[in-house]
């Protein structure tokens, strides 16, 4: 519903950054509980599947599952183009640094084409 010339800002995690630091299993403490994260990446669907288990001292554990589709820069640009946008700028973080494979974020500034 964005009008011609309208500006669209898309912010997501950088797939390459996430995959480089991906840990299959990790424990980390939080206030009042411990968390276990178990993560797999499916290269055929480009989905990161995550099971997070919260372990409390005097309560039953709680388990959460989520699945996130990770997009490459080229996929994002292509999808934007298919939906009538032109890419204006690409940033790698909130400080507006240039995007690279090591950037934690993928931030795209796009404009609605005619």
PDB file of N, CA and C in Angstrom:
ATOM      1  N   UNK A   1       0.814  -1.191   0.000  1.00  0.00           N
ATOM      2  CA  UNK A   1       0.000   0.000   0.000  1.00  0.00           C
ATOM      3  C   UNK A   1       0.867   1.268   0.000  1.00  0.00           C
ATOM      4  N   UNK A   2       2.160   1.108  -0.116  1.00  0.00           N
ATOM      5  CA  UNK A   2       3.049   2.264  -0.172  1.00  0.00           C
ATOM      6  C   UNK A   2       2.908   2.949  -1.528  1.00  0.00           C
ATOM      7  N   UNK A   3       2.798   4.250  -1.525  1.00  0.00           N
ATOM      8  CA  UNK A   3       2.650   5.003  -2.766  1.00  0.00           C
ATOM      9  C   UNK A   3       3.977   5.100  -3.515  1.00  0.00           C
ATOM     10  N   UNK A   4       3.892   5.373  -4.813  1.00  0.00           N
ATOM     11  CA  UNK A   4       5.077   5.555  -5.638  1.00  0.00           C
ATOM     12  C   UNK A   4       5.986   6.609  -4.999  1.00  0.00           C
ATOM     13  N   UNK A   5       7.270   6.287  -4.896  1.00  0.00           N
ATOM     14  CA  UNK A   5       8.242   7.187  -4.274  1.00  0.00           C
ATOM     15  C   UNK A   5       8.331   7.049  -2.766  1.00  0.00           C
ATOM     16  N   UNK A   6       7.429   6.236  -2.182  1.00  0.00           N
ATOM     17  CA  UNK A   6       7.455   6.005  -0.737  1.00  0.00           C
ATOM     18  C   UNK A   6       8.702   5.237  -0.331  1.00  0.00           C
ATOM     19  N   UNK A   7       9.157   5.470   0.889  1.00  0.00           N
ATOM     20  CA  UNK A   7      10.388   4.860   1.386  1.00  0.00           C
ATOM     21  C   UNK A   7      10.051   3.696   2.323  1.00  0.00           C
ATOM     22  N   UNK A   8      10.795   2.609   2.156  1.00  0.00           N
ATOM     23  CA  UNK A   8      10.604   1.396   2.952  1.00  0.00           C
ATOM     24  C   UNK A   8      11.938   1.027   3.580  1.00  0.00           C
ATOM     25  N   UNK A   9      11.954   0.793   4.888  1.00  0.00           N
ATOM     26  CA  UNK A   9      13.166   0.395   5.593  1.00  0.00           C
ATOM     27  C   UNK A   9      12.970  -1.015   6.119  1.00  0.00           C
ATOM     28  N   UNK A  10      13.826  -1.920   5.703  1.00  0.00           N
ATOM     29  CA  UNK A  10      13.753  -3.313   6.111  1.00  0.00           C
ATOM     30  C   UNK A  10      14.968  -3.631   6.970  1.00  0.00           C
ATOM     31  N   UNK A  11      14.751  -4.207   8.134  1.00  0.00           N
ATOM     32  CA  UNK A  11      15.833  -4.571   9.046  1.00  0.00           C
ATOM     33  C   UNK A  11      15.675  -6.027   9.442  1.00  0.00           C
ATOM     34  N   UNK A  12      16.738  -6.802   9.267  1.00  0.00           N
ATOM     35  CA  UNK A  12      16.720  -8.210   9.660  1.00  0.00           C
ATOM     36  C   UNK A  12      18.144  -8.622  10.051  1.00  0.00           C
ATOM     37  N   UNK A  13      18.267  -9.822  10.596  1.00  0.00           N
ATOM     38  CA  UNK A  13      19.593 -10.319  10.917  1.00  0.00           C
ATOM     39  C   UNK A  13      20.315 -10.696   9.629  1.00  0.00           C
ATOM     40  N   UNK A  14      21.630 -10.630   9.663  1.00  0.00           N
ATOM     41  CA  UNK A  14      22.451 -10.976   8.505  1.00  0.00           C
ATOM     42  C   UNK A  14      22.714 -12.480   8.524  1.00  0.00           C
ATOM     43  N   UNK A  15      22.213 -13.170   7.535  1.00  0.00           N
ATOM     44  CA  UNK A  15      22.333 -14.633   7.440  1.00  0.00           C
ATOM     45  C   UNK A  15      23.779 -15.098   7.588  1.00  0.00           C
ATOM     46  N   UNK A  16      24.693 -14.459   6.857  1.00  0.00           N
ATOM     47  CA  UNK A  16      26.090 -14.897   6.881  1.00  0.00           C
ATOM     48  C   UNK A  16      26.713 -14.725   8.267  1.00  0.00           C
ATOM     49  N   UNK A  17      26.374 -13.645   8.947  1.00  0.00           N
ATOM     50  CA  UNK A  17      26.881 -13.389  10.302  1.00  0.00           C
ATOM     51  C   UNK A  17      26.368 -14.456  11.272  1.00  0.00           C
ATOM     52  N   UNK A  18      25.082 -14.772  11.160  1.00  0.00           N
ATOM     53  CA  UNK A  18      24.474 -15.772  12.040  1.00  0.00           C
ATOM     54  C   UNK A  18      25.108 -17.140  11.820  1.00  0.00           C
ATOM     55  N   UNK A  19      25.276 -17.532  10.568  1.00  0.00           N
ATOM     56  CA  UNK A  19      25.814 -18.858  10.279  1.00  0.00           C
ATOM     57  C   UNK A  19      27.260 -19.000  10.723  1.00  0.00           C
ATOM     58  N   UNK A  20      28.025 -17.919  10.610  1.00  0.00           N
ATOM     59  CA  UNK A  20      29.435 -17.973  11.024  1.00  0.00           C
ATOM     60  C   UNK A  20      29.574 -18.250  12.525  1.00  0.00           C
ATOM     61  N   UNK A  21      28.670 -17.726  13.317  1.00  0.00           N
ATOM     62  CA  UNK A  21      28.767 -17.896  14.773  1.00  0.00           C
ATOM     63  C   UNK A  21      27.791 -18.906  15.343  1.00  0.00           C
ATOM     64  N   UNK A  22      27.150 -19.681  14.470  1.00  0.00           N
ATOM     65  CA  UNK A  22      26.122 -20.614  14.926  1.00  0.00           C
ATOM     66  C   UNK A  22      26.706 -21.693  15.830  1.00  0.00           C
ATOM     67  N   UNK A  23      26.096 -21.841  17.005  1.00  0.00           N
ATOM     68  CA  UNK A  23      26.473 -22.901  17.938  1.00  0.00           C
ATOM     69  C   UNK A  23      25.324 -23.895  17.999  1.00  0.00           C
ATOM     70  N   UNK A  24      25.640 -25.155  17.848  1.00  0.00           N
ATOM     71  CA  UNK A  24      24.615 -26.211  17.843  1.00  0.00           C
ATOM     72  C   UNK A  24      23.875 -26.268  19.175  1.00  0.00           C
ATOM     73  N   UNK A  25      24.615 -26.081  20.260  1.00  0.00           N
ATOM     74  CA  UNK A  25      24.035 -26.187  21.596  1.00  0.00           C
ATOM     75  C   UNK A  25      24.780 -25.256  22.541  1.00  0.00           C
ATOM     76  N   UNK A  26      24.014 -24.489  23.329  1.00  0.00           N
ATOM     77  CA  UNK A  26      24.663 -23.630  24.311  1.00  0.00           C
ATOM     78  C   UNK A  26      23.759 -23.400  25.514  1.00  0.00           C
ATOM     79  N   UNK A  27      24.401 -23.360  26.668  1.00  0.00           N
ATOM     80  CA  UNK A  27      23.744 -23.040  27.938  1.00  0.00           C
ATOM     81  C   UNK A  27      24.107 -21.610  28.297  1.00  0.00           C
ATOM     82  N   UNK A  28      23.172 -20.884  28.870  1.00  0.00           N
ATOM     83  CA  UNK A  28      23.514 -19.573  29.406  1.00  0.00           C
ATOM     84  C   UNK A  28      22.603 -19.254  30.588  1.00  0.00           C
ATOM     85  N   UNK A  29      23.209 -18.616  31.607  1.00  0.00           N
ATOM     86  CA  UNK A  29      22.436 -18.283  32.809  1.00  0.00           C
ATOM     87  C   UNK A  29      21.614 -17.011  32.613  1.00  0.00           C
ATOM     88  N   UNK A  30      20.461 -16.994  33.228  1.00  0.00           N
ATOM     89  CA  UNK A  30      19.609 -15.815  33.303  1.00  0.00           C
ATOM     90  C   UNK A  30      19.203 -15.658  34.765  1.00  0.00           C
ATOM     91  N   UNK A  31      18.612 -14.544  35.093  1.00  0.00           N
ATOM     92  CA  UNK A  31      18.210 -14.324  36.481  1.00  0.00           C
ATOM     93  C   UNK A  31      17.090 -15.297  36.857  1.00  0.00           C
ATOM     94  N   UNK A  32      17.374 -16.228  37.754  1.00  0.00           N
ATOM     95  CA  UNK A  32      16.381 -17.176  38.233  1.00  0.00           C
ATOM     96  C   UNK A  32      16.252 -18.463  37.441  1.00  0.00           C
ATOM     97  N   UNK A  33      17.010 -18.620  36.365  1.00  0.00           N
ATOM     98  CA  UNK A  33      16.923 -19.855  35.580  1.00  0.00           C
ATOM     99  C   UNK A  33      18.127 -19.979  34.643  1.00  0.00           C
ATOM    100  N   UNK A  34      18.250 -21.151  34.041  1.00  0.00           N
ATOM    101  CA  UNK A  34      19.235 -21.388  32.991  1.00  0.00           C
ATOM    102  C   UNK A  34      18.481 -21.661  31.697  1.00  0.00           C
ATOM    103  N   UNK A  35      19.102 -21.318  30.597  1.00  0.00           N
ATOM    104  CA  UNK A  35      18.489 -21.572  29.296  1.00  0.00           C
ATOM    105  C   UNK A  35      19.414 -22.447  28.464  1.00  0.00           C
ATOM    106  N   UNK A  36      18.821 -23.387  27.780  1.00  0.00           N
ATOM    107  CA  UNK A  36      19.537 -24.232  26.829  1.00  0.00           C
ATOM    108  C   UNK A  36      18.968 -23.928  25.456  1.00  0.00           C
ATOM    109  N   UNK A  37      19.839 -23.553  24.533  1.00  0.00           N
ATOM    110  CA  UNK A  37      19.415 -23.327  23.153  1.00  0.00           C
ATOM    111  C   UNK A  37      20.037 -24.381  22.268  1.00  0.00           C
ATOM    112  N   UNK A  38      19.193 -25.062  21.506  1.00  0.00           N
ATOM    113  CA  UNK A  38      19.652 -26.047  20.542  1.00  0.00           C
ATOM    114  C   UNK A  38      19.198 -25.573  19.168  1.00  0.00           C
ATOM    115  N   UNK A  39      20.166 -25.396  18.272  1.00  0.00           N
ATOM    116  CA  UNK A  39      19.890 -24.785  16.977  1.00  0.00           C
ATOM    117  C   UNK A  39      20.430 -25.639  15.847  1.00  0.00           C
ATOM    118  N   UNK A  40      19.627 -25.756  14.806  1.00  0.00           N
ATOM    119  CA  UNK A  40      20.101 -26.393  13.569  1.00  0.00           C
ATOM    120  C   UNK A  40      19.774 -25.451  12.411  1.00  0.00           C
ATOM    121  N   UNK A  41      20.553 -25.554  11.362  1.00  0.00           N
ATOM    122  CA  UNK A  41      20.296 -24.780  10.155  1.00  0.00           C
ATOM    123  C   UNK A  41      20.099 -25.743   9.006  1.00  0.00           C
ATOM    124  N   UNK A  42      18.999 -25.581   8.305  1.00  0.00           N
ATOM    125  CA  UNK A  42      18.704 -26.418   7.151  1.00  0.00           C
ATOM    126  C   UNK A  42      19.087 -25.640   5.888  1.00  0.00           C
ATOM    127  N   UNK A  43      20.166 -26.021   5.215  1.00  0.00           N
ATOM    128  CA  UNK A  43      20.616 -25.269   4.044  1.00  0.00           C
ATOM    129  C   UNK A  43      19.676 -25.374   2.842  1.00  0.00           C
ATOM    130  N   UNK A  44      18.786 -26.379   2.832  1.00  0.00           N
ATOM    131  CA  UNK A  44      17.857 -26.548   1.710  1.00  0.00           C
ATOM    132  C   UNK A  44      16.664 -25.602   1.806  1.00  0.00           C
ATOM    133  N   UNK A  45      16.301 -25.230   3.026  1.00  0.00           N
ATOM    134  CA  UNK A  45      15.177 -24.304   3.225  1.00  0.00           C
ATOM    135  C   UNK A  45      15.653 -22.949   3.735  1.00  0.00           C
ATOM    136  N   UNK A  46      16.914 -22.860   4.099  1.00  0.00           N
ATOM    137  CA  UNK A  46      17.514 -21.661   4.685  1.00  0.00           C
ATOM    138  C   UNK A  46      16.780 -21.252   5.971  1.00  0.00           C
ATOM    139  N   UNK A  47      16.366 -22.273   6.729  1.00  0.00           N
ATOM    140  CA  UNK A  47      15.670 -22.024   7.993  1.00  0.00           C
ATOM    141  C   UNK A  47      16.551 -22.414   9.163  1.00  0.00           C
ATOM    142  N   UNK A  48      16.530 -21.559  10.179  1.00  0.00           N
ATOM    143  CA  UNK A  48      17.200 -21.832  11.446  1.00  0.00           C
ATOM    144  C   UNK A  48      16.116 -22.283  12.420  1.00  0.00           C
ATOM    145  N   UNK A  49      16.232 -23.517  12.878  1.00  0.00           N
ATOM    146  CA  UNK A  49      15.261 -24.101  13.798  1.00  0.00           C
ATOM    147  C   UNK A  49      15.869 -24.072  15.192  1.00  0.00           C
ATOM    148  N   UNK A  50      15.117 -23.548  16.153  1.00  0.00           N
ATOM    149  CA  UNK A  50      15.663 -23.342  17.489  1.00  0.00           C
ATOM    150  C   UNK A  50      14.683 -23.868  18.537  1.00  0.00           C
ATOM    151  N   UNK A  51      15.226 -24.672  19.453  1.00  0.00           N
ATOM    152  CA  UNK A  51      14.466 -25.105  20.622  1.00  0.00           C
ATOM    153  C   UNK A  51      15.140 -24.479  21.842  1.00  0.00           C
ATOM    154  N   UNK A  52      14.363 -23.731  22.603  1.00  0.00           N
ATOM    155  CA  UNK A  52      14.890 -23.063  23.807  1.00  0.00           C
ATOM    156  C   UNK A  52      14.203 -23.678  25.017  1.00  0.00           C
ATOM    157  N   UNK A  53      15.004 -24.243  25.916  1.00  0.00           N
ATOM    158  CA  UNK A  53      14.490 -24.865  27.131  1.00  0.00           C
ATOM    159  C   UNK A  53      14.912 -24.018  28.318  1.00  0.00           C
ATOM    160  N   UNK A  54      13.943 -23.600  29.119  1.00  0.00           N
ATOM    161  CA  UNK A  54      14.217 -22.818  30.319  1.00  0.00           C
ATOM    162  C   UNK A  54      14.110 -23.748  31.523  1.00  0.00           C
ATOM    163  N   UNK A  55      15.186 -23.786  32.311  1.00  0.00           N
ATOM    164  CA  UNK A  55      15.246 -24.683  33.461  1.00  0.00           C
ATOM    165  C   UNK A  55      15.254 -23.831  34.727  1.00  0.00           C
ATOM    166  N   UNK A  56      14.192 -23.989  35.531  1.00  0.00           N
ATOM    167  CA  UNK A  56      14.032 -23.247  36.781  1.00  0.00           C
ATOM    168  C   UNK A  56      14.359 -24.158  37.954  1.00  0.00           C
ATOM    169  N   UNK A  57      14.723 -23.556  39.077  1.00  0.00           N
ATOM    170  CA  UNK A  57      15.086 -24.343  40.254  1.00  0.00           C
ATOM    171  C   UNK A  57      13.889 -25.082  40.838  1.00  0.00           C
ATOM    172  N   UNK A  58      12.769 -24.415  41.037  1.00  0.00           N
ATOM    173  CA  UNK A  58      11.620 -25.026  41.723  1.00  0.00           C
ATOM    174  C   UNK A  58      10.358 -25.059  40.866  1.00  0.00           C
ATOM    175  N   UNK A  59      10.524 -25.096  39.553  1.00  0.00           N
ATOM    176  CA  UNK A  59       9.373 -25.121  38.652  1.00  0.00           C
ATOM    177  C   UNK A  59       9.654 -26.096  37.520  1.00  0.00           C
ATOM    178  N   UNK A  60       8.604 -26.536  36.860  1.00  0.00           N
ATOM    179  CA  UNK A  60       8.843 -27.392  35.685  1.00  0.00           C
ATOM    180  C   UNK A  60       9.550 -26.595  34.587  1.00  0.00           C
ATOM    181  N   UNK A  61      10.334 -27.287  33.810  1.00  0.00           N
ATOM    182  CA  UNK A  61      11.012 -26.607  32.700  1.00  0.00           C
ATOM    183  C   UNK A  61       9.993 -26.205  31.647  1.00  0.00           C
ATOM    184  N   UNK A  62      10.337 -25.182  30.874  1.00  0.00           N
ATOM    185  CA  UNK A  62       9.484 -24.710  29.789  1.00  0.00           C
ATOM    186  C   UNK A  62      10.273 -24.802  28.498  1.00  0.00           C
ATOM    187  N   UNK A  63       9.594 -25.228  27.440  1.00  0.00           N
ATOM    188  CA  UNK A  63      10.257 -25.385  26.155  1.00  0.00           C
ATOM    189  C   UNK A  63       9.549 -24.566  25.090  1.00  0.00           C
ATOM    190  N   UNK A  64      10.345 -23.903  24.265  1.00  0.00           N
ATOM    191  CA  UNK A  64       9.813 -23.081  23.190  1.00  0.00           C
ATOM    192  C   UNK A  64      10.525 -23.465  21.898  1.00  0.00           C
ATOM    193  N   UNK A  65       9.782 -23.443  20.810  1.00  0.00           N
ATOM    194  CA  UNK A  65      10.357 -23.747  19.503  1.00  0.00           C
ATOM    195  C   UNK A  65      10.065 -22.592  18.562  1.00  0.00           C
ATOM    196  N   UNK A  66      11.064 -22.211  17.782  1.00  0.00           N
ATOM    197  CA  UNK A  66      10.800 -21.249  16.717  1.00  0.00           C
ATOM    198  C   UNK A  66      11.676 -21.559  15.526  1.00  0.00           C
ATOM    199  N   UNK A  67      11.190 -21.134  14.373  1.00  0.00           N
ATOM    200  CA  UNK A  67      11.854 -21.371  13.107  1.00  0.00           C
ATOM    201  C   UNK A  67      11.919 -20.046  12.371  1.00  0.00           C
ATOM    202  N   UNK A  68      13.111 -19.687  11.902  1.00  0.00           N
ATOM    203  CA  UNK A  68      13.316 -18.396  11.252  1.00  0.00           C
ATOM    204  C   UNK A  68      13.914 -18.627   9.873  1.00  0.00           C
ATOM    205  N   UNK A  69      13.330 -18.007   8.876  1.00  0.00           N
ATOM    206  CA  UNK A  69      13.873 -18.053   7.511  1.00  0.00           C
ATOM    207  C   UNK A  69      14.941 -16.979   7.404  1.00  0.00           C
ATOM    208  N   UNK A  70      16.136 -17.368   7.024  1.00  0.00           N
ATOM    209  CA  UNK A  70      17.250 -16.423   6.873  1.00  0.00           C
ATOM    210  C   UNK A  70      17.453 -16.147   5.384  1.00  0.00           C
ATOM    211  N   UNK A  71      17.404 -14.884   5.014  1.00  0.00           N
ATOM    212  CA  UNK A  71      17.543 -14.486   3.616  1.00  0.00           C
ATOM    213  C   UNK A  71      18.928 -13.917   3.340  1.00  0.00           C
ATOM    214  N   UNK A  72      19.441 -14.198   2.150  1.00  0.00           N
ATOM    215  CA  UNK A  72      20.700 -13.598   1.721  1.00  0.00           C
ATOM    216  C   UNK A  72      20.409 -12.192   1.201  1.00  0.00           C
ATOM    217  N   UNK A  73      21.442 -11.393   1.073  1.00  0.00           N
ATOM    218  CA  UNK A  73      21.301 -10.055   0.523  1.00  0.00           C
ATOM    219  C   UNK A  73      20.705 -10.110  -0.882  1.00  0.00           C
ATOM    220  N   UNK A  74      21.200 -11.011  -1.722  1.00  0.00           N
ATOM    221  CA  UNK A  74      20.705 -11.085  -3.104  1.00  0.00           C
ATOM    222  C   UNK A  74      19.233 -11.493  -3.146  1.00  0.00           C
ATOM    223  N   UNK A  75      18.804 -12.388  -2.248  1.00  0.00           N
ATOM    224  CA  UNK A  75      17.395 -12.760  -2.190  1.00  0.00           C
ATOM    225  C   UNK A  75      16.533 -11.564  -1.799  1.00  0.00           C
ATOM    226  N   UNK A  76      16.996 -10.798  -0.837  1.00  0.00           N
ATOM    227  CA  UNK A  76      16.230  -9.628  -0.386  1.00  0.00           C
ATOM    228  C   UNK A  76      16.091  -8.605  -1.507  1.00  0.00           C
ATOM    229  N   UNK A  77      17.189  -8.312  -2.174  1.00  0.00           N
ATOM    230  CA  UNK A  77      17.149  -7.344  -3.273  1.00  0.00           C
ATOM    231  C   UNK A  77      16.215  -7.835  -4.377  1.00  0.00           C
ATOM    232  N   UNK A  78      16.302  -9.114  -4.715  1.00  0.00           N
ATOM    233  CA  UNK A  78      15.454  -9.703  -5.745  1.00  0.00           C
ATOM    234  C   UNK A  78      13.981  -9.635  -5.350  1.00  0.00           C
ATOM    235  N   UNK A  79      13.665  -9.979  -4.112  1.00  0.00           N
ATOM    236  CA  UNK A  79      12.273  -9.936  -3.647  1.00  0.00           C
ATOM    237  C   UNK A  79      11.729  -8.511  -3.648  1.00  0.00           C
ATOM    238  N   UNK A  80      12.553  -7.562  -3.247  1.00  0.00           N
ATOM    239  CA  UNK A  80      12.127  -6.166  -3.271  1.00  0.00           C
ATOM    240  C   UNK A  80      11.854  -5.712  -4.710  1.00  0.00           C
ATOM    241  N   UNK A  81      12.751  -6.089  -5.610  1.00  0.00           N
ATOM    242  CA  UNK A  81      12.589  -5.707  -7.016  1.00  0.00           C
ATOM    243  C   UNK A  81      11.299  -6.292  -7.599  1.00  0.00           C
ATOM    244  N   UNK A  82      11.019  -7.576  -7.288  1.00  0.00           N
ATOM    245  CA  UNK A  82       9.809  -8.244  -7.784  1.00  0.00           C
ATOM    246  C   UNK A  82       8.530  -7.561  -7.297  1.00  0.00           C
ATOM    247  N   UNK A  83       8.616  -6.921  -6.139  1.00  0.00           N
ATOM    248  CA  UNK A  83       7.424  -6.279  -5.564  1.00  0.00           C
ATOM    249  C   UNK A  83       7.395  -4.775  -5.801  1.00  0.00           C
ATOM    250  N   UNK A  84       8.250  -4.306  -6.730  1.00  0.00           N
ATOM    251  CA  UNK A  84       8.164  -2.916  -7.144  1.00  0.00           C
ATOM    252  C   UNK A  84       9.008  -1.931  -6.368  1.00  0.00           C
ATOM    253  N   UNK A  85      10.117  -2.394  -5.807  1.00  0.00           N
ATOM    254  CA  UNK A  85      11.004  -1.503  -5.061  1.00  0.00           C
ATOM    255  C   UNK A  85      12.373  -1.434  -5.711  1.00  0.00           C
ATOM    256  N   UNK A  86      13.034  -0.295  -5.568  1.00  0.00           N
ATOM    257  CA  UNK A  86      14.435  -0.176  -5.951  1.00  0.00           C
ATOM    258  C   UNK A  86      15.243   0.005  -4.672  1.00  0.00           C
ATOM    259  N   UNK A  87      16.366  -0.659  -4.626  1.00  0.00           N
ATOM    260  CA  UNK A  87      17.232  -0.570  -3.450  1.00  0.00           C
ATOM    261  C   UNK A  87      18.035   0.729  -3.525  1.00  0.00           C
ATOM    262  N   UNK A  88      17.947   1.529  -2.473  1.00  0.00           N
ATOM    263  CA  UNK A  88      18.642   2.812  -2.411  1.00  0.00           C
ATOM    264  C   UNK A  88      19.970   2.697  -1.657  1.00  0.00           C
ATOM    265  N   UNK A  89      19.928   2.098  -0.466  1.00  0.00           N
ATOM    266  CA  UNK A  89      21.127   1.971   0.373  1.00  0.00           C
ATOM    267  C   UNK A  89      21.043   0.659   1.151  1.00  0.00           C
ATOM    268  N   UNK A  90      22.219   0.139   1.534  1.00  0.00           N
ATOM    269  CA  UNK A  90      22.291  -1.084   2.334  1.00  0.00           C
ATOM    270  C   UNK A  90      23.278  -0.844   3.464  1.00  0.00           C
ATOM    271  N   UNK A  91      22.851  -1.130   4.692  1.00  0.00           N
ATOM    272  CA  UNK A  91      23.679  -0.924   5.874  1.00  0.00           C
ATOM    273  C   UNK A  91      23.879  -2.247   6.604  1.00  0.00           C
ATOM    274  N   UNK A  92      24.945  -2.304   7.394  1.00  0.00           N
ATOM    275  CA  UNK A  92      25.263  -3.516   8.142  1.00  0.00           C
ATOM    276  C   UNK A  92      24.939  -3.456   9.617  1.00  0.00           C
ATOM    277  N   UNK A  93      24.514  -2.266  10.097  1.00  0.00           N
ATOM    278  CA  UNK A  93      24.165  -2.132  11.513  1.00  0.00           C
ATOM    279  C   UNK A  93      23.432  -0.812  11.714  1.00  0.00           C
ATOM    280  N   UNK A  94      22.964  -0.586  12.924  1.00  0.00           N
ATOM    281  CA  UNK A  94      22.187   0.607  13.230  1.00  0.00           C
ATOM    282  C   UNK A  94      23.021   1.889  13.182  1.00  0.00           C
ATOM    283  N   UNK A  95      24.349   1.753  13.225  1.00  0.00           N
ATOM    284  CA  UNK A  95      25.213   2.934  13.122  1.00  0.00           C
ATOM    285  C   UNK A  95      25.448   3.332  11.659  1.00  0.00           C
ATOM    286  N   UNK A  96      24.739   2.671  10.735  1.00  0.00           N
ATOM    287  CA  UNK A  96      24.756   2.944   9.294  1.00  0.00           C
ATOM    288  C   UNK A  96      26.088   2.619   8.625  1.00  0.00           C
ATOM    289  N   UNK A  97      26.840   1.680   9.201  1.00  0.00           N
ATOM    290  CA  UNK A  97      28.064   1.212   8.559  1.00  0.00           C
ATOM    291  C   UNK A  97      27.705   0.422   7.302  1.00  0.00           C
ATOM    292  N   UNK A  98      28.648   0.346   6.386  1.00  0.00           N
ATOM    293  CA  UNK A  98      28.445  -0.375   5.140  1.00  0.00           C
ATOM    294  C   UNK A  98      28.236  -1.864   5.422  1.00  0.00           C
ATOM    295  N   UNK A  99      27.347  -2.485   4.658  1.00  0.00           N
ATOM    296  CA  UNK A  99      27.070  -3.909   4.804  1.00  0.00           C
ATOM    297  C   UNK A  99      28.273  -4.742   4.361  1.00  0.00           C
ATOM    298  N   UNK A 100      28.555  -5.808   5.118  1.00  0.00           N
ATOM    299  CA  UNK A 100      29.558  -6.799   4.739  1.00  0.00           C
ATOM    300  C   UNK A 100      29.099  -8.152   5.273  1.00  0.00           C
ATOM    301  N   UNK A 101      29.805  -9.202   4.930  1.00  0.00           N
ATOM    302  CA  UNK A 101      29.459 -10.534   5.430  1.00  0.00           C
ATOM    303  C   UNK A 101      29.579 -10.618   6.945  1.00  0.00           C
ATOM    304  N   UNK A 102      30.391  -9.752   7.540  1.00  0.00           N
ATOM    305  CA  UNK A 102      30.598  -9.744   8.986  1.00  0.00           C
ATOM    306  C   UNK A 102      29.602  -8.845   9.723  1.00  0.00           C
ATOM    307  N   UNK A 103      28.742  -8.149   8.996  1.00  0.00           N
ATOM    308  CA  UNK A 103      27.774  -7.244   9.620  1.00  0.00           C
ATOM    309  C   UNK A 103      26.731  -8.023  10.416  1.00  0.00           C
ATOM    310  N   UNK A 104      26.362  -7.551  11.602  1.00  0.00           N
ATOM    311  CA  UNK A 104      25.334  -8.254  12.377  1.00  0.00           C
ATOM    312  C   UNK A 104      23.923  -8.087  11.813  1.00  0.00           C
ATOM    313  N   UNK A 105      23.651  -6.995  11.114  1.00  0.00           N
ATOM    314  CA  UNK A 105      22.327  -6.702  10.578  1.00  0.00           C
ATOM    315  C   UNK A 105      22.367  -6.602   9.054  1.00  0.00           C
ATOM    316  N   UNK A 106      21.211  -6.694   8.452  1.00  0.00           N
ATOM    317  CA  UNK A 106      21.019  -6.414   7.030  1.00  0.00           C
ATOM    318  C   UNK A 106      19.884  -5.398   6.982  1.00  0.00           C
ATOM    319  N   UNK A 107      20.235  -4.150   6.733  1.00  0.00           N
ATOM    320  CA  UNK A 107      19.267  -3.062   6.736  1.00  0.00           C
ATOM    321  C   UNK A 107      19.224  -2.473   5.331  1.00  0.00           C
ATOM    322  N   UNK A 108      18.058  -2.533   4.719  1.00  0.00           N
ATOM    323  CA  UNK A 108      17.905  -2.074   3.339  1.00  0.00           C
ATOM    324  C   UNK A 108      16.928  -0.893   3.296  1.00  0.00           C
ATOM    325  N   UNK A 109      17.373   0.174   2.691  1.00  0.00           N
ATOM    326  CA  UNK A 109      16.517   1.320   2.431  1.00  0.00           C
ATOM    327  C   UNK A 109      16.084   1.210   0.965  1.00  0.00           C
ATOM    328  N   UNK A 110      14.779   1.098   0.746  1.00  0.00           N
ATOM    329  CA  UNK A 110      14.263   0.912  -0.612  1.00  0.00           C
ATOM    330  C   UNK A 110      13.175   1.957  -0.889  1.00  0.00           C
ATOM    331  N   UNK A 111      12.926   2.155  -2.175  1.00  0.00           N
ATOM    332  CA  UNK A 111      11.920   3.124  -2.599  1.00  0.00           C
ATOM    333  C   UNK A 111      10.932   2.436  -3.536  1.00  0.00           C
ATOM    334  N   UNK A 112       9.655   2.750  -3.363  1.00  0.00           N
ATOM    335  CA  UNK A 112       8.609   2.173  -4.211  1.00  0.00           C
ATOM    336  C   UNK A 112       8.725   2.770  -5.618  1.00  0.00           C
ATOM    337  N   UNK A 113       8.875   1.882  -6.600  1.00  0.00           N
ATOM    338  CA  UNK A 113       9.003   2.307  -7.988  1.00  0.00           C
ATOM    339  C   UNK A 113       7.628   2.577  -8.587  1.00  0.00           C
ATOM    340  N   UNK A 114       7.640   3.063  -9.820  1.00  0.00           N
ATOM    341  CA  UNK A 114       6.388   3.356 -10.524  1.00  0.00           C
ATOM    342  C   UNK A 114       5.763   2.140 -11.026  1.00  0.00           C
TER     343      UNK A 114
END
